[in-house]
């Protein structure tokens, strides 16, 4: 049974930074591509960033390019999302997700691609 647990959310002022972490248990971490999605109240779950199994390939939503960085440490079974220059519109619940295999770049940005999800962590950016 694959389990994902996010941490690192909180309240931060606009322009500040946060780093989210997602720890994974069950299975072999290196088999899974990892993604971050977010969902604001009343809105759909949107893609934020994803990283391939090896960490070689990363993908970002246009809204976070240049501000957010996704990375993974396969020795620690953990994926990270470093968020800088945060804006009030980044406020949402952030979810970690995982999928095995080799999805296309387009598929990596679709929430339907992912098999496993964490419970989410709240990020609130005040203006």
C-alpha atoms as a PDB file:
ATOM      1  CA  UNK A   1       0.000   0.000   0.000  1.00  0.00           C
ATOM      2  CA  UNK A   2       1.495   3.317  -1.115  1.00  0.00           C
ATOM      3  CA  UNK A   3       1.096   6.179   1.316  1.00  0.00           C
ATOM      4  CA  UNK A   4       2.030   9.809   0.755  1.00  0.00           C
ATOM      5  CA  UNK A   5       2.303  12.337   3.575  1.00  0.00           C
ATOM      6  CA  UNK A   6       2.814  16.038   2.908  1.00  0.00           C
ATOM      7  CA  UNK A   7       4.278  18.556   5.332  1.00  0.00           C
ATOM      8  CA  UNK A   8       5.627  22.073   5.349  1.00  0.00           C
ATOM      9  CA  UNK A   9       2.522  24.105   4.657  1.00  0.00           C
ATOM     10  CA  UNK A  10       1.619  27.188   6.627  1.00  0.00           C
ATOM     11  CA  UNK A  11       0.957  30.907   6.582  1.00  0.00           C
ATOM     12  CA  UNK A  12       3.444  33.205   4.884  1.00  0.00           C
ATOM     13  CA  UNK A  13       3.444  36.788   3.677  1.00  0.00           C
ATOM     14  CA  UNK A  14       3.530  37.608  -0.001  1.00  0.00           C
ATOM     15  CA  UNK A  15       7.076  37.440  -1.301  1.00  0.00           C
ATOM     16  CA  UNK A  16       8.039  34.808   1.232  1.00  0.00           C
ATOM     17  CA  UNK A  17       9.079  31.196   0.806  1.00  0.00           C
ATOM     18  CA  UNK A  18       7.992  27.758   1.919  1.00  0.00           C
ATOM     19  CA  UNK A  19       9.284  24.282   1.254  1.00  0.00           C
ATOM     20  CA  UNK A  20       6.836  21.421   1.067  1.00  0.00           C
ATOM     21  CA  UNK A  21       7.921  17.852   1.590  1.00  0.00           C
ATOM     22  CA  UNK A  22       6.197  14.612   0.676  1.00  0.00           C
ATOM     23  CA  UNK A  23       7.335  11.389   2.233  1.00  0.00           C
ATOM     24  CA  UNK A  24       6.376   8.086   0.702  1.00  0.00           C
ATOM     25  CA  UNK A  25       6.044   4.628   2.202  1.00  0.00           C
ATOM     26  CA  UNK A  26       5.182   1.367   0.474  1.00  0.00           C
ATOM     27  CA  UNK A  27       6.685   0.111  -2.770  1.00  0.00           C
ATOM     28  CA  UNK A  28       9.905   1.357  -4.300  1.00  0.00           C
ATOM     29  CA  UNK A  29      10.152   5.136  -4.453  1.00  0.00           C
ATOM     30  CA  UNK A  30      12.345   5.251  -7.546  1.00  0.00           C
ATOM     31  CA  UNK A  31       9.639   3.483  -9.566  1.00  0.00           C
ATOM     32  CA  UNK A  32       7.290   6.457  -9.219  1.00  0.00           C
ATOM     33  CA  UNK A  33       7.049   9.786 -10.939  1.00  0.00           C
ATOM     34  CA  UNK A  34       5.965  12.431  -8.431  1.00  0.00           C
ATOM     35  CA  UNK A  35       3.712  15.428  -8.836  1.00  0.00           C
ATOM     36  CA  UNK A  36       2.378  18.391  -6.898  1.00  0.00           C
ATOM     37  CA  UNK A  37      -1.099  19.736  -7.461  1.00  0.00           C
ATOM     38  CA  UNK A  38      -3.088  22.406  -5.670  1.00  0.00           C
ATOM     39  CA  UNK A  39      -6.723  23.181  -5.112  1.00  0.00           C
ATOM     40  CA  UNK A  40      -8.183  26.473  -3.970  1.00  0.00           C
ATOM     41  CA  UNK A  41     -11.712  26.662  -2.521  1.00  0.00           C
ATOM     42  CA  UNK A  42     -14.337  26.305  -5.217  1.00  0.00           C
ATOM     43  CA  UNK A  43     -11.771  25.555  -7.905  1.00  0.00           C
ATOM     44  CA  UNK A  44     -10.489  22.478  -9.669  1.00  0.00           C
ATOM     45  CA  UNK A  45      -7.303  20.700  -8.728  1.00  0.00           C
ATOM     46  CA  UNK A  46      -4.512  22.254 -10.792  1.00  0.00           C
ATOM     47  CA  UNK A  47      -1.113  20.978 -11.772  1.00  0.00           C
ATOM     48  CA  UNK A  48       1.865  22.690 -10.146  1.00  0.00           C
ATOM     49  CA  UNK A  49       4.986  20.634 -10.849  1.00  0.00           C
ATOM     50  CA  UNK A  50       6.192  17.099 -11.506  1.00  0.00           C
ATOM     51  CA  UNK A  51       9.450  15.194 -11.544  1.00  0.00           C
ATOM     52  CA  UNK A  52      10.373  11.972 -13.297  1.00  0.00           C
ATOM     53  CA  UNK A  53      11.519   8.837 -11.503  1.00  0.00           C
ATOM     54  CA  UNK A  54      15.210   9.643 -11.845  1.00  0.00           C
ATOM     55  CA  UNK A  55      14.768  13.350 -11.180  1.00  0.00           C
ATOM     56  CA  UNK A  56      16.201  14.149 -14.593  1.00  0.00           C
ATOM     57  CA  UNK A  57      13.013  15.653 -16.008  1.00  0.00           C
ATOM     58  CA  UNK A  58      10.903  18.315 -14.335  1.00  0.00           C
ATOM     59  CA  UNK A  59       7.681  19.964 -15.421  1.00  0.00           C
ATOM     60  CA  UNK A  60       6.014  23.154 -14.233  1.00  0.00           C
ATOM     61  CA  UNK A  61       2.798  25.030 -14.649  1.00  0.00           C
ATOM     62  CA  UNK A  62       3.352  28.386 -16.325  1.00  0.00           C
ATOM     63  CA  UNK A  63       2.046  30.162 -13.234  1.00  0.00           C
ATOM     64  CA  UNK A  64       4.909  28.883 -11.068  1.00  0.00           C
ATOM     65  CA  UNK A  65       7.826  28.731 -13.498  1.00  0.00           C
ATOM     66  CA  UNK A  66      10.823  30.601 -12.150  1.00  0.00           C
ATOM     67  CA  UNK A  67       9.379  30.678  -8.625  1.00  0.00           C
ATOM     68  CA  UNK A  68       8.887  27.025  -7.653  1.00  0.00           C
ATOM     69  CA  UNK A  69      11.379  24.167  -7.845  1.00  0.00           C
ATOM     70  CA  UNK A  70      10.542  20.488  -7.558  1.00  0.00           C
ATOM     71  CA  UNK A  71      13.198  17.992  -6.545  1.00  0.00           C
ATOM     72  CA  UNK A  72      13.461  14.515  -5.111  1.00  0.00           C
ATOM     73  CA  UNK A  73      15.818  12.562  -2.922  1.00  0.00           C
ATOM     74  CA  UNK A  74      15.454   8.890  -3.764  1.00  0.00           C
ATOM     75  CA  UNK A  75      17.611   7.917  -0.797  1.00  0.00           C
ATOM     76  CA  UNK A  76      15.084   9.532   1.537  1.00  0.00           C
ATOM     77  CA  UNK A  77      11.904   8.568  -0.361  1.00  0.00           C
ATOM     78  CA  UNK A  78      10.985  12.245  -0.401  1.00  0.00           C
ATOM     79  CA  UNK A  79       9.942  14.824  -2.974  1.00  0.00           C
ATOM     80  CA  UNK A  80      10.173  18.555  -2.298  1.00  0.00           C
ATOM     81  CA  UNK A  81       8.542  21.688  -3.601  1.00  0.00           C
ATOM     82  CA  UNK A  82      10.526  24.843  -2.920  1.00  0.00           C
ATOM     83  CA  UNK A  83       8.210  27.820  -3.307  1.00  0.00           C
ATOM     84  CA  UNK A  84       9.708  31.301  -3.546  1.00  0.00           C
ATOM     85  CA  UNK A  85       8.220  34.727  -4.254  1.00  0.00           C
ATOM     86  CA  UNK A  86       4.861  33.491  -3.074  1.00  0.00           C
ATOM     87  CA  UNK A  87       1.734  35.352  -4.104  1.00  0.00           C
ATOM     88  CA  UNK A  88      -1.751  35.420  -2.558  1.00  0.00           C
ATOM     89  CA  UNK A  89      -3.022  33.493  -5.581  1.00  0.00           C
ATOM     90  CA  UNK A  90      -0.774  30.583  -4.557  1.00  0.00           C
ATOM     91  CA  UNK A  91      -3.066  30.023  -1.582  1.00  0.00           C
ATOM     92  CA  UNK A  92      -4.467  26.490  -1.802  1.00  0.00           C
ATOM     93  CA  UNK A  93      -4.279  22.995  -0.422  1.00  0.00           C
ATOM     94  CA  UNK A  94      -1.239  21.353  -1.976  1.00  0.00           C
ATOM     95  CA  UNK A  95      -1.341  17.649  -2.768  1.00  0.00           C
ATOM     96  CA  UNK A  96       1.472  15.238  -3.481  1.00  0.00           C
ATOM     97  CA  UNK A  97       0.843  12.480  -6.002  1.00  0.00           C
ATOM     98  CA  UNK A  98       2.595   9.473  -7.512  1.00  0.00           C
ATOM     99  CA  UNK A  99       2.379   7.370 -10.645  1.00  0.00           C
ATOM    100  CA  UNK A 100       4.586   4.531 -11.903  1.00  0.00           C
ATOM    101  CA  UNK A 101       5.799   3.960 -15.453  1.00  0.00           C
ATOM    102  CA  UNK A 102       6.663   6.555 -18.068  1.00  0.00           C
ATOM    103  CA  UNK A 103       3.832   8.998 -18.657  1.00  0.00           C
ATOM    104  CA  UNK A 104       4.235  11.523 -21.426  1.00  0.00           C
ATOM    105  CA  UNK A 105       5.120  15.085 -20.554  1.00  0.00           C
ATOM    106  CA  UNK A 106       1.536  16.091 -21.198  1.00  0.00           C
ATOM    107  CA  UNK A 107       0.217  13.305 -18.995  1.00  0.00           C
ATOM    108  CA  UNK A 108       2.488  14.354 -16.148  1.00  0.00           C
ATOM    109  CA  UNK A 109       0.457  17.545 -15.900  1.00  0.00           C
ATOM    110  CA  UNK A 110      -2.931  15.824 -15.632  1.00  0.00           C
ATOM    111  CA  UNK A 111      -4.323  14.834 -12.244  1.00  0.00           C
ATOM    112  CA  UNK A 112      -6.074  11.817 -13.802  1.00  0.00           C
ATOM    113  CA  UNK A 113      -2.648  10.329 -14.553  1.00  0.00           C
ATOM    114  CA  UNK A 114      -1.757   9.828 -10.918  1.00  0.00           C
ATOM    115  CA  UNK A 115      -2.599   6.735  -8.896  1.00  0.00           C
ATOM    116  CA  UNK A 116      -1.795   7.823  -5.368  1.00  0.00           C
ATOM    117  CA  UNK A 117      -2.487  11.006  -3.426  1.00  0.00           C
ATOM    118  CA  UNK A 118      -1.577  12.489  -0.082  1.00  0.00           C
ATOM    119  CA  UNK A 119      -4.022  14.169   2.269  1.00  0.00           C
ATOM    120  CA  UNK A 120      -2.854  17.668   1.382  1.00  0.00           C
ATOM    121  CA  UNK A 121      -1.225  20.543   3.230  1.00  0.00           C
ATOM    122  CA  UNK A 122      -2.597  24.073   3.441  1.00  0.00           C
ATOM    123  CA  UNK A 123      -0.563  26.971   2.090  1.00  0.00           C
ATOM    124  CA  UNK A 124      -1.880  30.460   2.815  1.00  0.00           C
ATOM    125  CA  UNK A 125      -0.186  33.554   1.426  1.00  0.00           C
ATOM    126  CA  UNK A 126      -1.271  36.850   2.927  1.00  0.00           C
ATOM    127  CA  UNK A 127      -1.041  40.129   1.044  1.00  0.00           C
END
